[in-house]
Amino acid sequence: MTPAAENFLTVARLLRPGDLAALMGWSPDTTRAKIARRQCPRFLRIKRCTLFRYDDVMAWLEAEEDTPQGRQQAVSDLLRK
């Protein structure tokens, strides 16, 4: 991706699927499957380009922490540090 496009995504606070995968620790195949099943944050799809708003990802992560599995993941993340 060009530096101008990278800068635009940064300023607009948009994440690509690869960015979300790195954040969540998912493989590219898992990321594609979760997007197809809608088991991920809300996203924008423009033709073949999928983008996630930073605020939507944060809201989704905060909502996930309210579930028992999300709390367990949050605790294990804290213990790793």
C-alpha atoms as a PDB file:
ATOM      1  CA  MET A   1       0.000   0.000   0.000  1.00  0.00           C
ATOM      2  CA  THR A   2       1.266   3.457  -0.806  1.00  0.00           C
ATOM      3  CA  PRO A   3       2.341   5.856   1.942  1.00  0.00           C
ATOM      4  CA  ALA A   4      -0.496   8.229   0.980  1.00  0.00           C
ATOM      5  CA  ALA A   5      -3.077   5.445   1.418  1.00  0.00           C
ATOM      6  CA  GLU A   6      -1.527   4.392   4.735  1.00  0.00           C
ATOM      7  CA  ASN A   7      -1.662   7.989   5.933  1.00  0.00           C
ATOM      8  CA  PHE A   8      -5.311   8.296   4.878  1.00  0.00           C
ATOM      9  CA  LEU A   9      -6.280   5.162   6.814  1.00  0.00           C
ATOM     10  CA  THR A  10      -4.433   6.413   9.881  1.00  0.00           C
ATOM     11  CA  VAL A  11      -6.051   9.848   9.809  1.00  0.00           C
ATOM     12  CA  ALA A  12      -9.507   8.380   9.112  1.00  0.00           C
ATOM     13  CA  ARG A  13      -8.981   5.829  11.929  1.00  0.00           C
ATOM     14  CA  LEU A  14      -9.705   2.819   9.715  1.00  0.00           C
ATOM     15  CA  LEU A  15      -8.259  -0.664  10.126  1.00  0.00           C
ATOM     16  CA  ARG A  16      -7.759  -3.243   7.416  1.00  0.00           C
ATOM     17  CA  PRO A  17      -8.535  -6.939   8.045  1.00  0.00           C
ATOM     18  CA  GLY A  18      -4.809  -7.608   8.492  1.00  0.00           C
ATOM     19  CA  ASP A  19      -4.661  -4.954  11.196  1.00  0.00           C
ATOM     20  CA  LEU A  20      -7.611  -6.530  13.013  1.00  0.00           C
ATOM     21  CA  ALA A  21      -6.016  -9.980  12.667  1.00  0.00           C
ATOM     22  CA  ALA A  22      -2.787  -8.709  14.208  1.00  0.00           C
ATOM     23  CA  LEU A  23      -4.700  -7.041  17.025  1.00  0.00           C
ATOM     24  CA  MET A  24      -6.726 -10.160  17.818  1.00  0.00           C
ATOM     25  CA  GLY A  25      -4.021 -12.741  17.082  1.00  0.00           C
ATOM     26  CA  TRP A  26      -6.063 -14.364  14.290  1.00  0.00           C
ATOM     27  CA  SER A  27      -4.671 -15.985  11.167  1.00  0.00           C
ATOM     28  CA  PRO A  28      -5.722 -14.567   7.771  1.00  0.00           C
ATOM     29  CA  ASP A  29      -8.011 -17.573   7.196  1.00  0.00           C
ATOM     30  CA  THR A  30      -9.677 -17.129  10.587  1.00  0.00           C
ATOM     31  CA  THR A  31     -10.161 -13.431   9.887  1.00  0.00           C
ATOM     32  CA  ARG A  32     -11.841 -14.126   6.547  1.00  0.00           C
ATOM     33  CA  ALA A  33     -14.103 -16.741   8.156  1.00  0.00           C
ATOM     34  CA  LYS A  34     -15.099 -14.428  11.011  1.00  0.00           C
ATOM     35  CA  ILE A  35     -15.894 -11.619   8.555  1.00  0.00           C
ATOM     36  CA  ALA A  36     -18.020 -13.993   6.464  1.00  0.00           C
ATOM     37  CA  ARG A  37     -19.899 -15.183   9.590  1.00  0.00           C
ATOM     38  CA  ARG A  38     -20.189 -11.620  10.973  1.00  0.00           C
ATOM     39  CA  GLN A  39     -18.350 -12.665  14.150  1.00  0.00           C
ATOM     40  CA  CYS A  40     -16.331  -9.480  14.142  1.00  0.00           C
ATOM     41  CA  PRO A  41     -16.891  -5.749  14.617  1.00  0.00           C
ATOM     42  CA  ARG A  42     -19.072  -3.846  12.164  1.00  0.00           C
ATOM     43  CA  PHE A  43     -17.237  -3.112   8.954  1.00  0.00           C
ATOM     44  CA  LEU A  44     -17.464  -1.146   5.747  1.00  0.00           C
ATOM     45  CA  ARG A  45     -17.263  -2.992   2.471  1.00  0.00           C
ATOM     46  CA  ILE A  46     -16.478  -0.951  -0.605  1.00  0.00           C
ATOM     47  CA  LYS A  47     -16.306  -3.256  -3.604  1.00  0.00           C
ATOM     48  CA  ARG A  48     -13.648  -5.768  -2.501  1.00  0.00           C
ATOM     49  CA  CYS A  49     -12.153  -3.618   0.242  1.00  0.00           C
ATOM     50  CA  THR A  50     -13.133  -4.316   3.862  1.00  0.00           C
ATOM     51  CA  LEU A  51     -12.394  -1.670   6.486  1.00  0.00           C
ATOM     52  CA  PHE A  52     -13.125  -1.485  10.206  1.00  0.00           C
ATOM     53  CA  ARG A  53     -13.722   1.782  12.050  1.00  0.00           C
ATOM     54  CA  TYR A  54     -11.455   2.088  15.078  1.00  0.00           C
ATOM     55  CA  ASP A  55     -14.378   3.132  17.305  1.00  0.00           C
ATOM     56  CA  ASP A  56     -16.446   0.107  16.212  1.00  0.00           C
ATOM     57  CA  VAL A  57     -13.552  -2.229  17.028  1.00  0.00           C
ATOM     58  CA  MET A  58     -13.123  -0.662  20.474  1.00  0.00           C
ATOM     59  CA  ALA A  59     -16.866  -0.926  21.216  1.00  0.00           C
ATOM     60  CA  TRP A  60     -16.864  -4.544  20.065  1.00  0.00           C
ATOM     61  CA  LEU A  61     -13.886  -5.391  22.265  1.00  0.00           C
ATOM     62  CA  GLU A  62     -15.484  -3.712  25.288  1.00  0.00           C
ATOM     63  CA  ALA A  63     -18.734  -5.618  24.712  1.00  0.00           C
ATOM     64  CA  GLU A  64     -16.781  -8.887  24.432  1.00  0.00           C
ATOM     65  CA  GLU A  65     -15.296  -8.295  27.894  1.00  0.00           C
ATOM     66  CA  ASP A  66     -18.819  -8.397  29.339  1.00  0.00           C
ATOM     67  CA  THR A  67     -19.152 -12.094  28.491  1.00  0.00           C
ATOM     68  CA  PRO A  68     -17.601 -14.812  30.703  1.00  0.00           C
ATOM     69  CA  GLN A  69     -15.243 -15.851  27.903  1.00  0.00           C
ATOM     70  CA  GLY A  70     -14.277 -12.208  27.294  1.00  0.00           C
ATOM     71  CA  ARG A  71     -13.507 -11.664  30.989  1.00  0.00           C
ATOM     72  CA  GLN A  72     -11.356 -14.798  31.026  1.00  0.00           C
ATOM     73  CA  GLN A  73      -9.462 -13.564  27.945  1.00  0.00           C
ATOM     74  CA  ALA A  74      -8.973 -10.124  29.529  1.00  0.00           C
ATOM     75  CA  VAL A  75      -7.597 -11.706  32.711  1.00  0.00           C
ATOM     76  CA  SER A  76      -5.196 -13.925  30.775  1.00  0.00           C
ATOM     77  CA  ASP A  77      -4.021 -10.906  28.740  1.00  0.00           C
ATOM     78  CA  LEU A  78      -3.292  -9.001  31.943  1.00  0.00           C
ATOM     79  CA  LEU A  79      -1.388 -11.934  33.440  1.00  0.00           C
ATOM     80  CA  ARG A  80       0.863 -12.204  30.360  1.00  0.00           C
ATOM     81  CA  LYS A  81       2.194  -8.675  30.854  1.00  0.00           C
END
